[in-house]
Amino acid sequence: MDRIVAFRALRRLVTSHPFLLLGLVTYAIFLTVEAVAEDGPTGSIKHFPMPALRVLIIPMYVGWLLVTVASVAVLGPRWEPAARQVVRVLQIVAGFAPYLLADALVRWRRRSLARPAA
């Protein structure tokens, strides 16, 4: 019985927030590739997810770029450690914003299609 409830919850999550889930998976792949690149292995595992990641990360990268440009314009090129942490949190929020916006647009479109025409 617990498996059925868990499956329904997972299905509801995937159908209600598909783009946010895509963003989370993209961020997880990004962090994995970044960690593997820092460790320095030269095997084929390092290059495996790169073609897909190059495309999937575009919305997240745009959010990161906008926050970085704005923070450099406001704070200058040298940041204090506290400012760096605040900027990092803003970058993560802005990185997931396009995925949340896409989910909101999908929900809005589904609601507009579900309403009968007047």
PDB file of N, CA and C in Angstrom:
ATOM      1  N   MET A   1       0.810  -1.185   0.000  1.00  0.00           N
ATOM      2  CA  MET A   1       0.000   0.000   0.000  1.00  0.00           C
ATOM      3  C   MET A   1       0.862   1.260   0.000  1.00  0.00           C
ATOM      4  N   ASP A   2       1.988   1.214   0.734  1.00  0.00           N
ATOM      5  CA  ASP A   2       2.868   2.366   0.782  1.00  0.00           C
ATOM      6  C   ASP A   2       3.506   2.649  -0.569  1.00  0.00           C
ATOM      7  N   ARG A   3       3.758   1.610  -1.340  1.00  0.00           N
ATOM      8  CA  ARG A   3       4.336   1.796  -2.664  1.00  0.00           C
ATOM      9  C   ARG A   3       3.366   2.508  -3.586  1.00  0.00           C
ATOM     10  N   ILE A   4       2.094   2.191  -3.469  1.00  0.00           N
ATOM     11  CA  ILE A   4       1.086   2.838  -4.299  1.00  0.00           C
ATOM     12  C   ILE A   4       0.997   4.317  -3.965  1.00  0.00           C
ATOM     13  N   VAL A   5       1.011   4.647  -2.686  1.00  0.00           N
ATOM     14  CA  VAL A   5       0.957   6.044  -2.258  1.00  0.00           C
ATOM     15  C   VAL A   5       2.202   6.785  -2.730  1.00  0.00           C
ATOM     16  N   ALA A   6       3.361   6.163  -2.600  1.00  0.00           N
ATOM     17  CA  ALA A   6       4.610   6.782  -3.045  1.00  0.00           C
ATOM     18  C   ALA A   6       4.615   6.971  -4.557  1.00  0.00           C
ATOM     19  N   PHE A   7       4.108   5.993  -5.286  1.00  0.00           N
ATOM     20  CA  PHE A   7       4.046   6.105  -6.740  1.00  0.00           C
ATOM     21  C   PHE A   7       3.121   7.236  -7.154  1.00  0.00           C
ATOM     22  N   ARG A   8       1.966   7.345  -6.496  1.00  0.00           N
ATOM     23  CA  ARG A   8       1.033   8.436  -6.814  1.00  0.00           C
ATOM     24  C   ARG A   8       1.627   9.795  -6.504  1.00  0.00           C
ATOM     25  N   ALA A   9       2.353   9.904  -5.394  1.00  0.00           N
ATOM     26  CA  ALA A   9       2.991  11.166  -5.039  1.00  0.00           C
ATOM     27  C   ALA A   9       4.070  11.532  -6.056  1.00  0.00           C
ATOM     28  N   LEU A  10       4.849  10.549  -6.491  1.00  0.00           N
ATOM     29  CA  LEU A  10       5.880  10.795  -7.490  1.00  0.00           C
ATOM     30  C   LEU A  10       5.246  11.191  -8.827  1.00  0.00           C
ATOM     31  N   ARG A  11       4.189  10.513  -9.194  1.00  0.00           N
ATOM     32  CA  ARG A  11       3.499  10.835 -10.439  1.00  0.00           C
ATOM     33  C   ARG A  11       2.921  12.249 -10.399  1.00  0.00           C
ATOM     34  N   ARG A  12       2.357  12.630  -9.258  1.00  0.00           N
ATOM     35  CA  ARG A  12       1.800  13.974  -9.100  1.00  0.00           C
ATOM     36  C   ARG A  12       2.907  15.027  -9.200  1.00  0.00           C
ATOM     37  N   LEU A  13       4.064  14.735  -8.606  1.00  0.00           N
ATOM     38  CA  LEU A  13       5.193  15.655  -8.673  1.00  0.00           C
ATOM     39  C   LEU A  13       5.680  15.825 -10.105  1.00  0.00           C
ATOM     40  N   VAL A  14       5.808  14.724 -10.817  1.00  0.00           N
ATOM     41  CA  VAL A  14       6.308  14.783 -12.192  1.00  0.00           C
ATOM     42  C   VAL A  14       5.316  15.490 -13.107  1.00  0.00           C
ATOM     43  N   THR A  15       4.032  15.260 -12.918  1.00  0.00           N
ATOM     44  CA  THR A  15       3.051  15.895 -13.790  1.00  0.00           C
ATOM     45  C   THR A  15       2.799  17.351 -13.434  1.00  0.00           C
ATOM     46  N   SER A  16       2.985  17.730 -12.172  1.00  0.00           N
ATOM     47  CA  SER A  16       2.717  19.123 -11.803  1.00  0.00           C
ATOM     48  C   SER A  16       3.951  20.012 -11.917  1.00  0.00           C
ATOM     49  N   HIS A  17       5.147  19.456 -11.822  1.00  0.00           N
ATOM     50  CA  HIS A  17       6.377  20.245 -11.902  1.00  0.00           C
ATOM     51  C   HIS A  17       7.425  19.556 -12.777  1.00  0.00           C
ATOM     52  N   PRO A  18       7.133  19.299 -14.048  1.00  0.00           N
ATOM     53  CA  PRO A  18       8.115  18.582 -14.872  1.00  0.00           C
ATOM     54  C   PRO A  18       9.389  19.391 -15.129  1.00  0.00           C
ATOM     55  N   PHE A  19       9.250  20.695 -15.306  1.00  0.00           N
ATOM     56  CA  PHE A  19      10.431  21.495 -15.603  1.00  0.00           C
ATOM     57  C   PHE A  19      11.296  21.718 -14.364  1.00  0.00           C
ATOM     58  N   LEU A  20      10.683  21.854 -13.196  1.00  0.00           N
ATOM     59  CA  LEU A  20      11.465  21.967 -11.970  1.00  0.00           C
ATOM     60  C   LEU A  20      12.249  20.679 -11.737  1.00  0.00           C
ATOM     61  N   LEU A  21      11.631  19.554 -11.999  1.00  0.00           N
ATOM     62  CA  LEU A  21      12.327  18.274 -11.886  1.00  0.00           C
ATOM     63  C   LEU A  21      13.489  18.213 -12.881  1.00  0.00           C
ATOM     64  N   LEU A  22      13.267  18.689 -14.086  1.00  0.00           N
ATOM     65  CA  LEU A  22      14.339  18.755 -15.086  1.00  0.00           C
ATOM     66  C   LEU A  22      15.464  19.661 -14.596  1.00  0.00           C
ATOM     67  N   GLY A  23      15.123  20.782 -13.977  1.00  0.00           N
ATOM     68  CA  GLY A  23      16.136  21.682 -13.440  1.00  0.00           C
ATOM     69  C   GLY A  23      16.935  21.046 -12.321  1.00  0.00           C
ATOM     70  N   LEU A  24      16.271  20.306 -11.436  1.00  0.00           N
ATOM     71  CA  LEU A  24      16.973  19.631 -10.346  1.00  0.00           C
ATOM     72  C   LEU A  24      17.914  18.551 -10.872  1.00  0.00           C
ATOM     73  N   VAL A  25      17.454  17.800 -11.860  1.00  0.00           N
ATOM     74  CA  VAL A  25      18.308  16.766 -12.463  1.00  0.00           C
ATOM     75  C   VAL A  25      19.492  17.418 -13.176  1.00  0.00           C
ATOM     76  N   THR A  26      19.241  18.512 -13.875  1.00  0.00           N
ATOM     77  CA  THR A  26      20.315  19.229 -14.558  1.00  0.00           C
ATOM     78  C   THR A  26      21.345  19.735 -13.560  1.00  0.00           C
ATOM     79  N   TYR A  27      20.883  20.296 -12.450  1.00  0.00           N
ATOM     80  CA  TYR A  27      21.805  20.807 -11.433  1.00  0.00           C
ATOM     81  C   TYR A  27      22.602  19.668 -10.806  1.00  0.00           C
ATOM     82  N   ALA A  28      21.951  18.527 -10.589  1.00  0.00           N
ATOM     83  CA  ALA A  28      22.665  17.369 -10.039  1.00  0.00           C
ATOM     84  C   ALA A  28      23.737  16.875 -11.010  1.00  0.00           C
ATOM     85  N   ILE A  29      23.414  16.824 -12.295  1.00  0.00           N
ATOM     86  CA  ILE A  29      24.402  16.422 -13.299  1.00  0.00           C
ATOM     87  C   ILE A  29      25.544  17.429 -13.338  1.00  0.00           C
ATOM     88  N   PHE A  30      25.199  18.719 -13.268  1.00  0.00           N
ATOM     89  CA  PHE A  30      26.222  19.765 -13.279  1.00  0.00           C
ATOM     90  C   PHE A  30      27.178  19.621 -12.100  1.00  0.00           C
ATOM     91  N   LEU A  31      26.620  19.418 -10.905  1.00  0.00           N
ATOM     92  CA  LEU A  31      27.474  19.258  -9.729  1.00  0.00           C
ATOM     93  C   LEU A  31      28.345  18.005  -9.823  1.00  0.00           C
ATOM     94  N   THR A  32      27.796  16.939 -10.389  1.00  0.00           N
ATOM     95  CA  THR A  32      28.560  15.703 -10.561  1.00  0.00           C
ATOM     96  C   THR A  32      29.713  15.907 -11.533  1.00  0.00           C
ATOM     97  N   VAL A  33      29.436  16.530 -12.660  1.00  0.00           N
ATOM     98  CA  VAL A  33      30.486  16.774 -13.657  1.00  0.00           C
ATOM     99  C   VAL A  33      31.539  17.710 -13.090  1.00  0.00           C
ATOM    100  N   GLU A  34      31.101  18.722 -12.342  1.00  0.00           N
ATOM    101  CA  GLU A  34      32.041  19.659 -11.732  1.00  0.00           C
ATOM    102  C   GLU A  34      32.944  18.941 -10.716  1.00  0.00           C
ATOM    103  N   ALA A  35      32.379  18.046  -9.924  1.00  0.00           N
ATOM    104  CA  ALA A  35      33.176  17.302  -8.939  1.00  0.00           C
ATOM    105  C   ALA A  35      34.153  16.353  -9.629  1.00  0.00           C
ATOM    106  N   VAL A  36      33.717  15.707 -10.687  1.00  0.00           N
ATOM    107  CA  VAL A  36      34.605  14.795 -11.417  1.00  0.00           C
ATOM    108  C   VAL A  36      35.726  15.579 -12.084  1.00  0.00           C
ATOM    109  N   ALA A  37      35.411  16.765 -12.604  1.00  0.00           N
ATOM    110  CA  ALA A  37      36.435  17.580 -13.265  1.00  0.00           C
ATOM    111  C   ALA A  37      37.471  18.076 -12.263  1.00  0.00           C
ATOM    112  N   GLU A  38      37.051  18.373 -11.029  1.00  0.00           N
ATOM    113  CA  GLU A  38      38.004  18.834 -10.018  1.00  0.00           C
ATOM    114  C   GLU A  38      38.924  17.720  -9.552  1.00  0.00           C
ATOM    115  N   ASP A  39      38.422  16.481  -9.519  1.00  0.00           N
ATOM    116  CA  ASP A  39      39.249  15.354  -9.082  1.00  0.00           C
ATOM    117  C   ASP A  39      40.294  14.984 -10.126  1.00  0.00           C
ATOM    118  N   GLY A  40      40.016  15.295 -11.372  1.00  0.00           N
ATOM    119  CA  GLY A  40      41.013  15.112 -12.402  1.00  0.00           C
ATOM    120  C   GLY A  40      41.041  13.800 -13.146  1.00  0.00           C
ATOM    121  N   PRO A  41      40.044  12.926 -13.071  1.00  0.00           N
ATOM    122  CA  PRO A  41      40.124  11.718 -13.890  1.00  0.00           C
ATOM    123  C   PRO A  41      39.976  12.065 -15.369  1.00  0.00           C
ATOM    124  N   THR A  42      40.650  11.315 -16.191  1.00  0.00           N
ATOM    125  CA  THR A  42      40.614  11.586 -17.626  1.00  0.00           C
ATOM    126  C   THR A  42      39.868  10.512 -18.385  1.00  0.00           C
ATOM    127  N   GLY A  43      39.097   9.696 -17.703  1.00  0.00           N
ATOM    128  CA  GLY A  43      38.364   8.622 -18.359  1.00  0.00           C
ATOM    129  C   GLY A  43      37.167   9.144 -19.132  1.00  0.00           C
ATOM    130  N   SER A  44      36.464   8.234 -19.773  1.00  0.00           N
ATOM    131  CA  SER A  44      35.327   8.621 -20.598  1.00  0.00           C
ATOM    132  C   SER A  44      34.124   9.055 -19.762  1.00  0.00           C
ATOM    133  N   ILE A  45      34.072   8.713 -18.471  1.00  0.00           N
ATOM    134  CA  ILE A  45      32.945   9.101 -17.625  1.00  0.00           C
ATOM    135  C   ILE A  45      32.862  10.619 -17.496  1.00  0.00           C
ATOM    136  N   LYS A  46      34.002  11.296 -17.576  1.00  0.00           N
ATOM    137  CA  LYS A  46      34.028  12.749 -17.450  1.00  0.00           C
ATOM    138  C   LYS A  46      33.278  13.418 -18.594  1.00  0.00           C
ATOM    139  N   HIS A  47      33.361  12.861 -19.785  1.00  0.00           N
ATOM    140  CA  HIS A  47      32.762  13.487 -20.956  1.00  0.00           C
ATOM    141  C   HIS A  47      31.386  12.921 -21.300  1.00  0.00           C
ATOM    142  N   PHE A  48      30.917  11.951 -20.542  1.00  0.00           N
ATOM    143  CA  PHE A  48      29.655  11.297 -20.871  1.00  0.00           C
ATOM    144  C   PHE A  48      28.453  12.251 -20.903  1.00  0.00           C
ATOM    145  N   PRO A  49      28.171  13.021 -19.835  1.00  0.00           N
ATOM    146  CA  PRO A  49      26.953  13.833 -19.862  1.00  0.00           C
ATOM    147  C   PRO A  49      27.121  15.203 -20.505  1.00  0.00           C
ATOM    148  N   MET A  50      28.279  15.531 -21.018  1.00  0.00           N
ATOM    149  CA  MET A  50      28.527  16.886 -21.489  1.00  0.00           C
ATOM    150  C   MET A  50      27.625  17.346 -22.633  1.00  0.00           C
ATOM    151  N   PRO A  51      27.369  16.573 -23.680  1.00  0.00           N
ATOM    152  CA  PRO A  51      26.491  17.094 -24.742  1.00  0.00           C
ATOM    153  C   PRO A  51      25.087  17.441 -24.243  1.00  0.00           C
ATOM    154  N   ALA A  52      24.525  16.587 -23.419  1.00  0.00           N
ATOM    155  CA  ALA A  52      23.189  16.886 -22.892  1.00  0.00           C
ATOM    156  C   ALA A  52      23.240  18.054 -21.923  1.00  0.00           C
ATOM    157  N   LEU A  53      24.255  18.116 -21.118  1.00  0.00           N
ATOM    158  CA  LEU A  53      24.370  19.186 -20.129  1.00  0.00           C
ATOM    159  C   LEU A  53      24.542  20.543 -20.787  1.00  0.00           C
ATOM    160  N   ARG A  54      25.238  20.594 -21.888  1.00  0.00           N
ATOM    161  CA  ARG A  54      25.440  21.868 -22.594  1.00  0.00           C
ATOM    162  C   ARG A  54      24.117  22.478 -23.042  1.00  0.00           C
ATOM    163  N   VAL A  55      23.151  21.672 -23.361  1.00  0.00           N
ATOM    164  CA  VAL A  55      21.847  22.170 -23.786  1.00  0.00           C
ATOM    165  C   VAL A  55      20.937  22.414 -22.585  1.00  0.00           C
ATOM    166  N   LEU A  56      20.919  21.484 -21.648  1.00  0.00           N
ATOM    167  CA  LEU A  56      20.010  21.586 -20.509  1.00  0.00           C
ATOM    168  C   LEU A  56      20.334  22.739 -19.570  1.00  0.00           C
ATOM    169  N   ILE A  57      21.576  23.146 -19.522  1.00  0.00           N
ATOM    170  CA  ILE A  57      21.981  24.145 -18.534  1.00  0.00           C
ATOM    171  C   ILE A  57      21.741  25.577 -19.010  1.00  0.00           C
ATOM    172  N   ILE A  58      21.324  25.777 -20.238  1.00  0.00           N
ATOM    173  CA  ILE A  58      21.157  27.128 -20.777  1.00  0.00           C
ATOM    174  C   ILE A  58      20.214  27.980 -19.923  1.00  0.00           C
ATOM    175  N   PRO A  59      18.999  27.541 -19.563  1.00  0.00           N
ATOM    176  CA  PRO A  59      18.147  28.407 -18.730  1.00  0.00           C
ATOM    177  C   PRO A  59      18.765  28.716 -17.369  1.00  0.00           C
ATOM    178  N   MET A  60      19.401  27.728 -16.771  1.00  0.00           N
ATOM    179  CA  MET A  60      20.032  27.932 -15.469  1.00  0.00           C
ATOM    180  C   MET A  60      21.204  28.903 -15.595  1.00  0.00           C
ATOM    181  N   TYR A  61      21.971  28.760 -16.634  1.00  0.00           N
ATOM    182  CA  TYR A  61      23.121  29.625 -16.852  1.00  0.00           C
ATOM    183  C   TYR A  61      22.691  31.073 -17.061  1.00  0.00           C
ATOM    184  N   VAL A  62      21.608  31.289 -17.776  1.00  0.00           N
ATOM    185  CA  VAL A  62      21.123  32.655 -17.997  1.00  0.00           C
ATOM    186  C   VAL A  62      20.762  33.310 -16.658  1.00  0.00           C
ATOM    187  N   GLY A  63      20.106  32.570 -15.775  1.00  0.00           N
ATOM    188  CA  GLY A  63      19.793  33.103 -14.446  1.00  0.00           C
ATOM    189  C   GLY A  63      21.049  33.425 -13.660  1.00  0.00           C
ATOM    190  N   TRP A  64      22.021  32.519 -13.697  1.00  0.00           N
ATOM    191  CA  TRP A  64      23.292  32.756 -13.002  1.00  0.00           C
ATOM    192  C   TRP A  64      23.994  33.989 -13.564  1.00  0.00           C
ATOM    193  N   LEU A  65      23.980  34.113 -14.884  1.00  0.00           N
ATOM    194  CA  LEU A  65      24.666  35.217 -15.534  1.00  0.00           C
ATOM    195  C   LEU A  65      24.040  36.554 -15.157  1.00  0.00           C
ATOM    196  N   LEU A  66      22.716  36.632 -15.157  1.00  0.00           N
ATOM    197  CA  LEU A  66      22.043  37.887 -14.805  1.00  0.00           C
ATOM    198  C   LEU A  66      22.367  38.316 -13.378  1.00  0.00           C
ATOM    199  N   VAL A  67      22.348  37.376 -12.440  1.00  0.00           N
ATOM    200  CA  VAL A  67      22.667  37.707 -11.045  1.00  0.00           C
ATOM    201  C   VAL A  67      24.130  38.121 -10.917  1.00  0.00           C
ATOM    202  N   THR A  68      25.020  37.443 -11.618  1.00  0.00           N
ATOM    203  CA  THR A  68      26.439  37.777 -11.548  1.00  0.00           C
ATOM    204  C   THR A  68      26.700  39.169 -12.109  1.00  0.00           C
ATOM    205  N   VAL A  69      26.103  39.475 -13.241  1.00  0.00           N
ATOM    206  CA  VAL A  69      26.290  40.801 -13.835  1.00  0.00           C
ATOM    207  C   VAL A  69      25.737  41.880 -12.914  1.00  0.00           C
ATOM    208  N   ALA A  70      24.554  41.668 -12.358  1.00  0.00           N
ATOM    209  CA  ALA A  70      23.959  42.654 -11.455  1.00  0.00           C
ATOM    210  C   ALA A  70      24.789  42.814 -10.181  1.00  0.00           C
ATOM    211  N   SER A  71      25.292  41.719  -9.636  1.00  0.00           N
ATOM    212  CA  SER A  71      26.069  41.812  -8.400  1.00  0.00           C
ATOM    213  C   SER A  71      27.422  42.481  -8.635  1.00  0.00           C
ATOM    214  N   VAL A  72      28.036  42.264  -9.783  1.00  0.00           N
ATOM    215  CA  VAL A  72      29.296  42.956 -10.083  1.00  0.00           C
ATOM    216  C   VAL A  72      29.039  44.442 -10.291  1.00  0.00           C
ATOM    217  N   ALA A  73      27.892  44.775 -10.903  1.00  0.00           N
ATOM    218  CA  ALA A  73      27.561  46.181 -11.096  1.00  0.00           C
ATOM    219  C   ALA A  73      27.304  46.881  -9.766  1.00  0.00           C
ATOM    220  N   VAL A  74      26.692  46.173  -8.811  1.00  0.00           N
ATOM    221  CA  VAL A  74      26.364  46.783  -7.524  1.00  0.00           C
ATOM    222  C   VAL A  74      27.528  46.701  -6.547  1.00  0.00           C
ATOM    223  N   LEU A  75      28.144  45.525  -6.422  1.00  0.00           N
ATOM    224  CA  LEU A  75      29.170  45.304  -5.402  1.00  0.00           C
ATOM    225  C   LEU A  75      30.597  45.517  -5.890  1.00  0.00           C
ATOM    226  N   GLY A  76      30.793  45.558  -7.182  1.00  0.00           N
ATOM    227  CA  GLY A  76      32.147  45.674  -7.707  1.00  0.00           C
ATOM    228  C   GLY A  76      32.766  44.291  -7.889  1.00  0.00           C
ATOM    229  N   PRO A  77      33.997  44.234  -8.386  1.00  0.00           N
ATOM    230  CA  PRO A  77      34.605  42.936  -8.683  1.00  0.00           C
ATOM    231  C   PRO A  77      35.088  42.165  -7.460  1.00  0.00           C
ATOM    232  N   ARG A  78      35.305  42.833  -6.328  1.00  0.00           N
ATOM    233  CA  ARG A  78      35.791  42.134  -5.128  1.00  0.00           C
ATOM    234  C   ARG A  78      34.675  42.074  -4.104  1.00  0.00           C
ATOM    235  N   TRP A  79      34.343  40.848  -3.693  1.00  0.00           N
ATOM    236  CA  TRP A  79      33.227  40.649  -2.781  1.00  0.00           C
ATOM    237  C   TRP A  79      33.729  40.168  -1.438  1.00  0.00           C
ATOM    238  N   GLU A  80      33.048  40.601  -0.407  1.00  0.00           N
ATOM    239  CA  GLU A  80      33.300  40.083   0.931  1.00  0.00           C
ATOM    240  C   GLU A  80      32.711  38.669   1.018  1.00  0.00           C
ATOM    241  N   PRO A  81      33.165  37.850   1.949  1.00  0.00           N
ATOM    242  CA  PRO A  81      32.633  36.480   2.057  1.00  0.00           C
ATOM    243  C   PRO A  81      31.120  36.428   2.280  1.00  0.00           C
ATOM    244  N   ALA A  82      30.582  37.336   3.087  1.00  0.00           N
ATOM    245  CA  ALA A  82      29.132  37.340   3.316  1.00  0.00           C
ATOM    246  C   ALA A  82      28.383  37.702   2.035  1.00  0.00           C
ATOM    247  N   ALA A  83      28.899  38.668   1.296  1.00  0.00           N
ATOM    248  CA  ALA A  83      28.264  39.059   0.029  1.00  0.00           C
ATOM    249  C   ALA A  83      28.344  37.919  -0.976  1.00  0.00           C
ATOM    250  N   ARG A  84      29.458  37.199  -0.957  1.00  0.00           N
ATOM    251  CA  ARG A  84      29.617  36.062  -1.873  1.00  0.00           C
ATOM    252  C   ARG A  84      28.565  34.982  -1.603  1.00  0.00           C
ATOM    253  N   GLN A  85      28.276  34.728  -0.326  1.00  0.00           N
ATOM    254  CA  GLN A  85      27.260  33.733   0.023  1.00  0.00           C
ATOM    255  C   GLN A  85      25.869  34.194  -0.394  1.00  0.00           C
ATOM    256  N   VAL A  86      25.574  35.465  -0.209  1.00  0.00           N
ATOM    257  CA  VAL A  86      24.270  35.999  -0.621  1.00  0.00           C
ATOM    258  C   VAL A  86      24.125  35.912  -2.132  1.00  0.00           C
ATOM    259  N   VAL A  87      25.175  36.262  -2.854  1.00  0.00           N
ATOM    260  CA  VAL A  87      25.137  36.193  -4.314  1.00  0.00           C
ATOM    261  C   VAL A  87      24.950  34.748  -4.768  1.00  0.00           C
ATOM    262  N   ARG A  88      25.592  33.800  -4.108  1.00  0.00           N
ATOM    263  CA  ARG A  88      25.453  32.385  -4.482  1.00  0.00           C
ATOM    264  C   ARG A  88      24.016  31.906  -4.293  1.00  0.00           C
ATOM    265  N   VAL A  89      23.389  32.315  -3.188  1.00  0.00           N
ATOM    266  CA  VAL A  89      21.986  31.941  -2.963  1.00  0.00           C
ATOM    267  C   VAL A  89      21.101  32.573  -4.036  1.00  0.00           C
ATOM    268  N   LEU A  90      21.350  33.835  -4.361  1.00  0.00           N
ATOM    269  CA  LEU A  90      20.568  34.489  -5.418  1.00  0.00           C
ATOM    270  C   LEU A  90      20.786  33.818  -6.768  1.00  0.00           C
ATOM    271  N   GLN A  91      22.011  33.351  -7.023  1.00  0.00           N
ATOM    272  CA  GLN A  91      22.283  32.645  -8.276  1.00  0.00           C
ATOM    273  C   GLN A  91      21.497  31.345  -8.354  1.00  0.00           C
ATOM    274  N   ILE A  92      21.422  30.614  -7.261  1.00  0.00           N
ATOM    275  CA  ILE A  92      20.676  29.355  -7.271  1.00  0.00           C
ATOM    276  C   ILE A  92      19.191  29.626  -7.482  1.00  0.00           C
ATOM    277  N   VAL A  93      18.665  30.635  -6.801  1.00  0.00           N
ATOM    278  CA  VAL A  93      17.244  30.978  -6.975  1.00  0.00           C
ATOM    279  C   VAL A  93      16.987  31.407  -8.413  1.00  0.00           C
ATOM    280  N   ALA A  94      17.839  32.269  -8.952  1.00  0.00           N
ATOM    281  CA  ALA A  94      17.662  32.728 -10.334  1.00  0.00           C
ATOM    282  C   ALA A  94      17.887  31.603 -11.332  1.00  0.00           C
ATOM    283  N   GLY A  95      18.721  30.638 -10.986  1.00  0.00           N
ATOM    284  CA  GLY A  95      18.953  29.502 -11.880  1.00  0.00           C
ATOM    285  C   GLY A  95      17.736  28.614 -12.028  1.00  0.00           C
ATOM    286  N   PHE A  96      16.964  28.472 -10.948  1.00  0.00           N
ATOM    287  CA  PHE A  96      15.758  27.648 -11.016  1.00  0.00           C
ATOM    288  C   PHE A  96      14.523  28.440 -11.453  1.00  0.00           C
ATOM    289  N   ALA A  97      14.609  29.758 -11.514  1.00  0.00           N
ATOM    290  CA  ALA A  97      13.463  30.591 -11.895  1.00  0.00           C
ATOM    291  C   ALA A  97      12.908  30.261 -13.289  1.00  0.00           C
ATOM    292  N   PRO A  98      13.743  30.047 -14.321  1.00  0.00           N
ATOM    293  CA  PRO A  98      13.160  29.707 -15.631  1.00  0.00           C
ATOM    294  C   PRO A  98      12.359  28.404 -15.611  1.00  0.00           C
ATOM    295  N   TYR A  99      12.812  27.435 -14.815  1.00  0.00           N
ATOM    296  CA  TYR A  99      12.093  26.164 -14.737  1.00  0.00           C
ATOM    297  C   TYR A  99      10.762  26.351 -14.009  1.00  0.00           C
ATOM    298  N   LEU A 100      10.763  27.152 -12.958  1.00  0.00           N
ATOM    299  CA  LEU A 100       9.510  27.442 -12.243  1.00  0.00           C
ATOM    300  C   LEU A 100       8.555  28.232 -13.120  1.00  0.00           C
ATOM    301  N   LEU A 101       9.080  29.163 -13.905  1.00  0.00           N
ATOM    302  CA  LEU A 101       8.251  29.921 -14.833  1.00  0.00           C
ATOM    303  C   LEU A 101       7.639  29.006 -15.892  1.00  0.00           C
ATOM    304  N   ALA A 102       8.428  28.067 -16.406  1.00  0.00           N
ATOM    305  CA  ALA A 102       7.901  27.119 -17.399  1.00  0.00           C
ATOM    306  C   ALA A 102       6.807  26.247 -16.787  1.00  0.00           C
ATOM    307  N   ASP A 103       6.981  25.807 -15.532  1.00  0.00           N
ATOM    308  CA  ASP A 103       5.926  25.037 -14.861  1.00  0.00           C
ATOM    309  C   ASP A 103       4.665  25.871 -14.689  1.00  0.00           C
ATOM    310  N   ALA A 104       4.819  27.138 -14.331  1.00  0.00           N
ATOM    311  CA  ALA A 104       3.654  28.014 -14.163  1.00  0.00           C
ATOM    312  C   ALA A 104       2.929  28.213 -15.497  1.00  0.00           C
ATOM    313  N   LEU A 105       3.696  28.356 -16.572  1.00  0.00           N
ATOM    314  CA  LEU A 105       3.066  28.503 -17.893  1.00  0.00           C
ATOM    315  C   LEU A 105       2.345  27.231 -18.315  1.00  0.00           C
ATOM    316  N   VAL A 106       2.912  26.086 -18.011  1.00  0.00           N
ATOM    317  CA  VAL A 106       2.246  24.819 -18.338  1.00  0.00           C
ATOM    318  C   VAL A 106       0.949  24.679 -17.542  1.00  0.00           C
ATOM    319  N   ARG A 107       0.988  25.006 -16.246  1.00  0.00           N
ATOM    320  CA  ARG A 107      -0.231  24.938 -15.429  1.00  0.00           C
ATOM    321  C   ARG A 107      -1.282  25.911 -15.936  1.00  0.00           C
ATOM    322  N   TRP A 108      -0.855  27.121 -16.302  1.00  0.00           N
ATOM    323  CA  TRP A 108      -1.799  28.120 -16.829  1.00  0.00           C
ATOM    324  C   TRP A 108      -2.417  27.627 -18.133  1.00  0.00           C
ATOM    325  N   ARG A 109      -1.610  27.042 -19.000  1.00  0.00           N
ATOM    326  CA  ARG A 109      -2.114  26.527 -20.280  1.00  0.00           C
ATOM    327  C   ARG A 109      -3.079  25.363 -20.062  1.00  0.00           C
ATOM    328  N   ARG A 110      -2.761  24.470 -19.131  1.00  0.00           N
ATOM    329  CA  ARG A 110      -3.669  23.353 -18.839  1.00  0.00           C
ATOM    330  C   ARG A 110      -4.995  23.851 -18.298  1.00  0.00           C
ATOM    331  N   ARG A 111      -4.952  24.868 -17.415  1.00  0.00           N
ATOM    332  CA  ARG A 111      -6.200  25.421 -16.879  1.00  0.00           C
ATOM    333  C   ARG A 111      -7.017  26.101 -17.948  1.00  0.00           C
ATOM    334  N   SER A 112      -6.335  26.816 -18.851  1.00  0.00           N
ATOM    335  CA  SER A 112      -7.081  27.512 -19.911  1.00  0.00           C
ATOM    336  C   SER A 112      -7.691  26.531 -20.903  1.00  0.00           C
ATOM    337  N   LEU A 113      -7.049  25.393 -21.125  1.00  0.00           N
ATOM    338  CA  LEU A 113      -7.613  24.392 -22.009  1.00  0.00           C
ATOM    339  C   LEU A 113      -8.742  23.608 -21.327  1.00  0.00           C
ATOM    340  N   ALA A 114      -8.667  23.497 -20.010  1.00  0.00           N
ATOM    341  CA  ALA A 114      -9.686  22.741 -19.277  1.00  0.00           C
ATOM    342  C   ALA A 114     -10.977  23.523 -19.122  1.00  0.00           C
ATOM    343  N   ARG A 115     -10.922  24.851 -19.161  1.00  0.00           N
ATOM    344  CA  ARG A 115     -12.130  25.657 -19.034  1.00  0.00           C
ATOM    345  C   ARG A 115     -12.943  25.592 -20.302  1.00  0.00           C
ATOM    346  N   PRO A 116     -14.231  25.460 -20.169  1.00  0.00           N
ATOM    347  CA  PRO A 116     -15.060  25.474 -21.373  1.00  0.00           C
ATOM    348  C   PRO A 116     -15.141  26.896 -21.950  1.00  0.00           C
ATOM    349  N   ALA A 117     -15.252  26.978 -23.247  1.00  0.00           N
ATOM    350  CA  ALA A 117     -15.349  28.282 -23.895  1.00  0.00           C
ATOM    351  C   ALA A 117     -16.667  28.934 -23.554  1.00  0.00           C
ATOM    352  N   ALA A 118     -16.627  30.223 -23.341  1.00  0.00           N
ATOM    353  CA  ALA A 118     -17.844  30.952 -22.932  1.00  0.00           C
ATOM    354  C   ALA A 118     -18.709  31.274 -24.116  1.00  0.00           C
TER     355      ALA A 118
END
